Amino acid sequence: LLGDNLIIALAAALGKDFTIEAQAAWQKLVGVVAA
């Protein structure tokens, strides 16, 4: 849940620079860290 909030904050801060590829990479990283 904290990781999802981090991704949302990054998306809000980066705007259009936060691409779908960047989101996928961050979600993968958060998944590894949370496991």
PDB file of N, CA and C in Angstrom:
ATOM      1  N   LEU A   1       0.832  -1.196   0.000  1.00  0.00           N
ATOM      2  CA  LEU A   1       0.000   0.000   0.000  1.00  0.00           C
ATOM      3  C   LEU A   1       0.874   1.255   0.000  1.00  0.00           C
ATOM      4  N   LEU A   2       1.918   1.238   0.805  1.00  0.00           N
ATOM      5  CA  LEU A   2       2.826   2.382   0.828  1.00  0.00           C
ATOM      6  C   LEU A   2       3.499   2.553  -0.533  1.00  0.00           C
ATOM      7  N   GLY A   3       3.850   1.435  -1.158  1.00  0.00           N
ATOM      8  CA  GLY A   3       4.467   1.491  -2.479  1.00  0.00           C
ATOM      9  C   GLY A   3       3.541   2.100  -3.512  1.00  0.00           C
ATOM     10  N   ASP A   4       2.258   1.760  -3.430  1.00  0.00           N
ATOM     11  CA  ASP A   4       1.283   2.337  -4.358  1.00  0.00           C
ATOM     12  C   ASP A   4       1.189   3.843  -4.168  1.00  0.00           C
ATOM     13  N   ASN A   5       1.234   4.284  -2.930  1.00  0.00           N
ATOM     14  CA  ASN A   5       1.188   5.725  -2.653  1.00  0.00           C
ATOM     15  C   ASN A   5       2.428   6.424  -3.199  1.00  0.00           C
ATOM     16  N   LEU A   6       3.566   5.764  -3.103  1.00  0.00           N
ATOM     17  CA  LEU A   6       4.799   6.316  -3.653  1.00  0.00           C
ATOM     18  C   LEU A   6       4.683   6.483  -5.166  1.00  0.00           C
ATOM     19  N   ILE A   7       4.135   5.482  -5.829  1.00  0.00           N
ATOM     20  CA  ILE A   7       3.963   5.541  -7.284  1.00  0.00           C
ATOM     21  C   ILE A   7       3.004   6.666  -7.666  1.00  0.00           C
ATOM     22  N   ILE A   8       1.933   6.824  -6.908  1.00  0.00           N
ATOM     23  CA  ILE A   8       0.974   7.904  -7.175  1.00  0.00           C
ATOM     24  C   ILE A   8       1.636   9.264  -6.989  1.00  0.00           C
ATOM     25  N   ALA A   9       2.449   9.401  -5.941  1.00  0.00           N
ATOM     26  CA  ALA A   9       3.148  10.666  -5.696  1.00  0.00           C
ATOM     27  C   ALA A   9       4.137  10.960  -6.822  1.00  0.00           C
ATOM     28  N   LEU A  10       4.844   9.942  -7.279  1.00  0.00           N
ATOM     29  CA  LEU A  10       5.773  10.132  -8.395  1.00  0.00           C
ATOM     30  C   LEU A  10       5.032  10.552  -9.659  1.00  0.00           C
ATOM     31  N   ALA A  11       3.914   9.905  -9.920  1.00  0.00           N
ATOM     32  CA  ALA A  11       3.126  10.248 -11.103  1.00  0.00           C
ATOM     33  C   ALA A  11       2.637  11.691 -11.034  1.00  0.00           C
ATOM     34  N   ALA A  12       2.211  12.112  -9.857  1.00  0.00           N
ATOM     35  CA  ALA A  12       1.732  13.486  -9.693  1.00  0.00           C
ATOM     36  C   ALA A  12       2.870  14.484  -9.885  1.00  0.00           C
ATOM     37  N   ALA A  13       4.056  14.139  -9.385  1.00  0.00           N
ATOM     38  CA  ALA A  13       5.192  15.052  -9.478  1.00  0.00           C
ATOM     39  C   ALA A  13       5.752  15.126 -10.901  1.00  0.00           C
ATOM     40  N   LEU A  14       5.784  13.991 -11.594  1.00  0.00           N
ATOM     41  CA  LEU A  14       6.412  13.950 -12.912  1.00  0.00           C
ATOM     42  C   LEU A  14       5.451  14.259 -14.050  1.00  0.00           C
ATOM     43  N   GLY A  15       4.169  14.105 -13.806  1.00  0.00           N
ATOM     44  CA  GLY A  15       3.183  14.411 -14.838  1.00  0.00           C
ATOM     45  C   GLY A  15       3.353  13.548 -16.074  1.00  0.00           C
ATOM     46  N   LYS A  16       3.436  14.182 -17.233  1.00  0.00           N
ATOM     47  CA  LYS A  16       3.526  13.447 -18.500  1.00  0.00           C
ATOM     48  C   LYS A  16       4.838  12.689 -18.646  1.00  0.00           C
ATOM     49  N   ASP A  17       5.851  13.051 -17.865  1.00  0.00           N
ATOM     50  CA  ASP A  17       7.127  12.333 -17.923  1.00  0.00           C
ATOM     51  C   ASP A  17       7.039  10.957 -17.272  1.00  0.00           C
ATOM     52  N   PHE A  18       5.990  10.719 -16.498  1.00  0.00           N
ATOM     53  CA  PHE A  18       5.799   9.425 -15.841  1.00  0.00           C
ATOM     54  C   PHE A  18       5.036   8.518 -16.804  1.00  0.00           C
ATOM     55  N   THR A  19       5.782   7.805 -17.636  1.00  0.00           N
ATOM     56  CA  THR A  19       5.187   6.985 -18.690  1.00  0.00           C
ATOM     57  C   THR A  19       4.684   5.654 -18.141  1.00  0.00           C
ATOM     58  N   ILE A  20       3.989   4.931 -18.977  1.00  0.00           N
ATOM     59  CA  ILE A  20       3.489   3.613 -18.602  1.00  0.00           C
ATOM     60  C   ILE A  20       4.666   2.674 -18.324  1.00  0.00           C
ATOM     61  N   GLU A  21       5.764   2.858 -19.060  1.00  0.00           N
ATOM     62  CA  GLU A  21       6.954   2.040 -18.835  1.00  0.00           C
ATOM     63  C   GLU A  21       7.574   2.356 -17.477  1.00  0.00           C
ATOM     64  N   ALA A  22       7.599   3.634 -17.121  1.00  0.00           N
ATOM     65  CA  ALA A  22       8.125   4.027 -15.816  1.00  0.00           C
ATOM     66  C   ALA A  22       7.254   3.466 -14.700  1.00  0.00           C
ATOM     67  N   GLN A  23       5.955   3.502 -14.890  1.00  0.00           N
ATOM     68  CA  GLN A  23       5.046   2.954 -13.888  1.00  0.00           C
ATOM     69  C   GLN A  23       5.283   1.461 -13.714  1.00  0.00           C
ATOM     70  N   ALA A  24       5.439   0.744 -14.807  1.00  0.00           N
ATOM     71  CA  ALA A  24       5.680  -0.697 -14.736  1.00  0.00           C
ATOM     72  C   ALA A  24       6.983  -0.995 -14.005  1.00  0.00           C
ATOM     73  N   ALA A  25       8.015  -0.212 -14.284  1.00  0.00           N
ATOM     74  CA  ALA A  25       9.304  -0.419 -13.624  1.00  0.00           C
ATOM     75  C   ALA A  25       9.200  -0.164 -12.126  1.00  0.00           C
ATOM     76  N   TRP A  26       8.530   0.908 -11.733  1.00  0.00           N
ATOM     77  CA  TRP A  26       8.373   1.219 -10.314  1.00  0.00           C
ATOM     78  C   TRP A  26       7.540   0.161  -9.609  1.00  0.00           C
ATOM     79  N   GLN A  27       6.481  -0.322 -10.261  1.00  0.00           N
ATOM     80  CA  GLN A  27       5.646  -1.349  -9.642  1.00  0.00           C
ATOM     81  C   GLN A  27       6.430  -2.637  -9.453  1.00  0.00           C
ATOM     82  N   LYS A  28       7.286  -2.957 -10.413  1.00  0.00           N
ATOM     83  CA  LYS A  28       8.128  -4.148 -10.288  1.00  0.00           C
ATOM     84  C   LYS A  28       9.086  -3.980  -9.107  1.00  0.00           C
ATOM     85  N   LEU A  29       9.706  -2.813  -8.996  1.00  0.00           N
ATOM     86  CA  LEU A  29      10.627  -2.548  -7.893  1.00  0.00           C
ATOM     87  C   LEU A  29       9.915  -2.625  -6.548  1.00  0.00           C
ATOM     88  N   VAL A  30       8.758  -2.015  -6.449  1.00  0.00           N
ATOM     89  CA  VAL A  30       7.994  -2.036  -5.198  1.00  0.00           C
ATOM     90  C   VAL A  30       7.607  -3.469  -4.843  1.00  0.00           C
ATOM     91  N   GLY A  31       7.253  -4.266  -5.843  1.00  0.00           N
ATOM     92  CA  GLY A  31       6.902  -5.659  -5.602  1.00  0.00           C
ATOM     93  C   GLY A  31       8.062  -6.457  -5.045  1.00  0.00           C
ATOM     94  N   VAL A  32       9.263  -6.196  -5.552  1.00  0.00           N
ATOM     95  CA  VAL A  32      10.456  -6.896  -5.067  1.00  0.00           C
ATOM     96  C   VAL A  32      10.786  -6.460  -3.645  1.00  0.00           C
ATOM     97  N   VAL A  33      10.720  -5.174  -3.384  1.00  0.00           N
ATOM     98  CA  VAL A  33      11.051  -4.653  -2.054  1.00  0.00           C
ATOM     99  C   VAL A  33      10.041  -5.131  -1.017  1.00  0.00           C
ATOM    100  N   ALA A  34       8.774  -5.185  -1.395  1.00  0.00           N
ATOM    101  CA  ALA A  34       7.722  -5.573  -0.454  1.00  0.00           C
ATOM    102  C   ALA A  34       7.745  -7.075  -0.152  1.00  0.00           C
ATOM    103  N   ALA A  35       8.324  -7.853  -1.045  1.00  0.00           N
ATOM    104  CA  ALA A  35       8.321  -9.318  -0.865  1.00  0.00           C
ATOM    105  C   ALA A  35       9.344  -9.798   0.142  1.00  0.00           C
TER     106      ALA A  35
END
